[in-house]
C-alpha atoms as a PDB file:
ATOM      1  CA  MET A   1     -18.133  18.650 -25.229  1.00  0.00           C
ATOM      2  CA  THR A   2     -17.750  17.972 -21.303  1.00  0.00           C
ATOM      3  CA  ALA A   3     -17.101  14.324 -19.789  1.00  0.00           C
ATOM      4  CA  LYS A   4     -20.144  12.955 -18.323  1.00  0.00           C
ATOM      5  CA  PRO A   5     -19.289  12.518 -14.369  1.00  0.00           C
ATOM      6  CA  PRO A   6     -19.253   8.954 -13.014  1.00  0.00           C
ATOM      7  CA  ASP A   7     -22.061   7.733 -11.108  1.00  0.00           C
ATOM      8  CA  ASP A   8     -22.959   4.365  -9.208  1.00  0.00           C
ATOM      9  CA  ASN A   9     -24.742   2.946 -12.096  1.00  0.00           C
ATOM     10  CA  ASP A  10     -21.634   2.651 -14.299  1.00  0.00           C
ATOM     11  CA  MET A  11     -21.033  -0.727 -13.177  1.00  0.00           C
ATOM     12  CA  PRO A  12     -22.925  -3.382 -15.036  1.00  0.00           C
ATOM     13  CA  ALA A  13     -25.448  -5.580 -13.192  1.00  0.00           C
ATOM     14  CA  GLU A  14     -23.675  -8.758 -14.031  1.00  0.00           C
ATOM     15  CA  ILE A  15     -20.145  -9.402 -14.972  1.00  0.00           C
ATOM     16  CA  ASP A  16     -19.141 -12.399 -17.024  1.00  0.00           C
ATOM     17  CA  PHE A  17     -16.173 -14.280 -15.426  1.00  0.00           C
ATOM     18  CA  SER A  18     -16.622 -17.485 -17.565  1.00  0.00           C
ATOM     19  CA  GLY A  19     -13.232 -16.711 -19.153  1.00  0.00           C
ATOM     20  CA  ALA A  20     -11.334 -15.920 -15.879  1.00  0.00           C
ATOM     21  CA  ALA A  21      -8.591 -18.114 -14.446  1.00  0.00           C
ATOM     22  CA  ARG A  22      -8.800 -18.712 -10.770  1.00  0.00           C
ATOM     23  CA  GLY A  23      -5.191 -18.220  -9.098  1.00  0.00           C
ATOM     24  CA  LYS A  24      -3.955 -16.687 -12.192  1.00  0.00           C
ATOM     25  CA  PHE A  25      -1.473 -14.400 -10.087  1.00  0.00           C
ATOM     26  CA  TYR A  26      -1.166 -16.558  -6.911  1.00  0.00           C
ATOM     27  CA  ARG A  27       2.613 -17.276  -6.041  1.00  0.00           C
ATOM     28  CA  GLN A  28       3.018 -19.713  -3.331  1.00  0.00           C
ATOM     29  CA  ASP A  29       6.502 -18.450  -2.364  1.00  0.00           C
ATOM     30  CA  ALA A  30       5.525 -14.660  -2.625  1.00  0.00           C
ATOM     31  CA  LYS A  31       6.674 -12.676   0.511  1.00  0.00           C
ATOM     32  CA  LEU A  32       4.607  -9.783   1.674  1.00  0.00           C
ATOM     33  CA  ASN A  33       5.729  -6.927   3.423  1.00  0.00           C
ATOM     34  CA  LEU A  34       2.749  -6.013   5.838  1.00  0.00           C
ATOM     35  CA  PRO A  35       2.212  -2.334   6.670  1.00  0.00           C
ATOM     36  CA  VAL A  36       3.010  -1.211  10.085  1.00  0.00           C
ATOM     37  CA  TYR A  37       1.303   1.757  11.359  1.00  0.00           C
ATOM     38  CA  LEU A  38       2.967   4.082  14.223  1.00  0.00           C
ATOM     39  CA  ASP A  39       1.408   6.404  16.428  1.00  0.00           C
ATOM     40  CA  ALA A  40       2.033   9.907  15.380  1.00  0.00           C
ATOM     41  CA  GLU A  41       4.339  10.833  18.247  1.00  0.00           C
ATOM     42  CA  VAL A  42       6.403   7.524  17.819  1.00  0.00           C
ATOM     43  CA  GLN A  43       6.788   8.149  14.101  1.00  0.00           C
ATOM     44  CA  ALA A  44       8.050  11.794  14.772  1.00  0.00           C
ATOM     45  CA  HIS A  45      10.519  10.675  17.264  1.00  0.00           C
ATOM     46  CA  LEU A  46      11.909   7.866  15.118  1.00  0.00           C
ATOM     47  CA  THR A  47      11.824   9.892  11.994  1.00  0.00           C
ATOM     48  CA  ALA A  48      14.044  12.611  13.733  1.00  0.00           C
ATOM     49  CA  ILE A  49      16.429   9.798  15.168  1.00  0.00           C
ATOM     50  CA  ALA A  50      16.767   8.356  11.828  1.00  0.00           C
ATOM     51  CA  ALA A  51      17.487  11.780  10.213  1.00  0.00           C
ATOM     52  CA  LYS A  52      20.189  12.343  12.620  1.00  0.00           C
ATOM     53  CA  LYS A  53      21.548   8.966  11.963  1.00  0.00           C
ATOM     54  CA  GLY A  54      21.276   9.182   8.124  1.00  0.00           C
ATOM     55  CA  VAL A  55      19.426   6.012   7.737  1.00  0.00           C
ATOM     56  CA  PRO A  56      15.593   5.166   6.748  1.00  0.00           C
ATOM     57  CA  VAL A  57      13.134   5.052   9.355  1.00  0.00           C
ATOM     58  CA  SER A  58      12.310   1.320   8.615  1.00  0.00           C
ATOM     59  CA  GLU A  59      15.945   0.512   9.179  1.00  0.00           C
ATOM     60  CA  LEU A  60      16.093   2.313  12.548  1.00  0.00           C
ATOM     61  CA  ALA A  61      12.690   0.496  13.464  1.00  0.00           C
ATOM     62  CA  ASN A  62      13.888  -2.642  12.484  1.00  0.00           C
ATOM     63  CA  GLU A  63      17.098  -2.279  14.448  1.00  0.00           C
ATOM     64  CA  LEU A  64      14.958  -1.230  17.674  1.00  0.00           C
ATOM     65  CA  LEU A  65      12.574  -4.145  17.385  1.00  0.00           C
ATOM     66  CA  LYS A  66      15.374  -6.552  17.153  1.00  0.00           C
ATOM     67  CA  LYS A  67      17.035  -5.299  20.172  1.00  0.00           C
ATOM     68  CA  GLU A  68      13.724  -5.393  21.935  1.00  0.00           C
ATOM     69  CA  ILE A  69      12.955  -9.070  20.839  1.00  0.00           C
ATOM     70  CA  ALA A  70      16.478  -9.941  22.084  1.00  0.00           C
ATOM     71  CA  ILE A  71      15.738  -8.502  25.478  1.00  0.00           C
ATOM     72  CA  ILE A  72      12.234 -10.258  25.703  1.00  0.00           C
ATOM     73  CA  GLU A  73      13.961 -13.505  24.699  1.00  0.00           C
ATOM     74  CA  ALA A  74      16.852 -13.329  27.195  1.00  0.00           C
ATOM     75  CA  ALA A  75      14.110 -12.547  30.087  1.00  0.00           C
ATOM     76  CA  GLU A  76      12.126 -15.699  29.222  1.00  0.00           C
ATOM     77  CA  PRO A  77      12.501 -18.714  31.270  1.00  0.00           C
END
């Protein structure tokens, strides 16, 4: 017997949320790490530098961004 392939009609027309709890997984103090998407050229360059240094790309990117932030803050009036 072969399995029936899923189709768009597998979802019920109505779903009963009467037993649901609002905010069950909400945590006020939760910290989220937002994804940052790099251009392909930038990622390739940073990946090569990180490999030479033996550090993760994220560590290298944070190091470079912190330096850039310091430069920007030093230039502000």
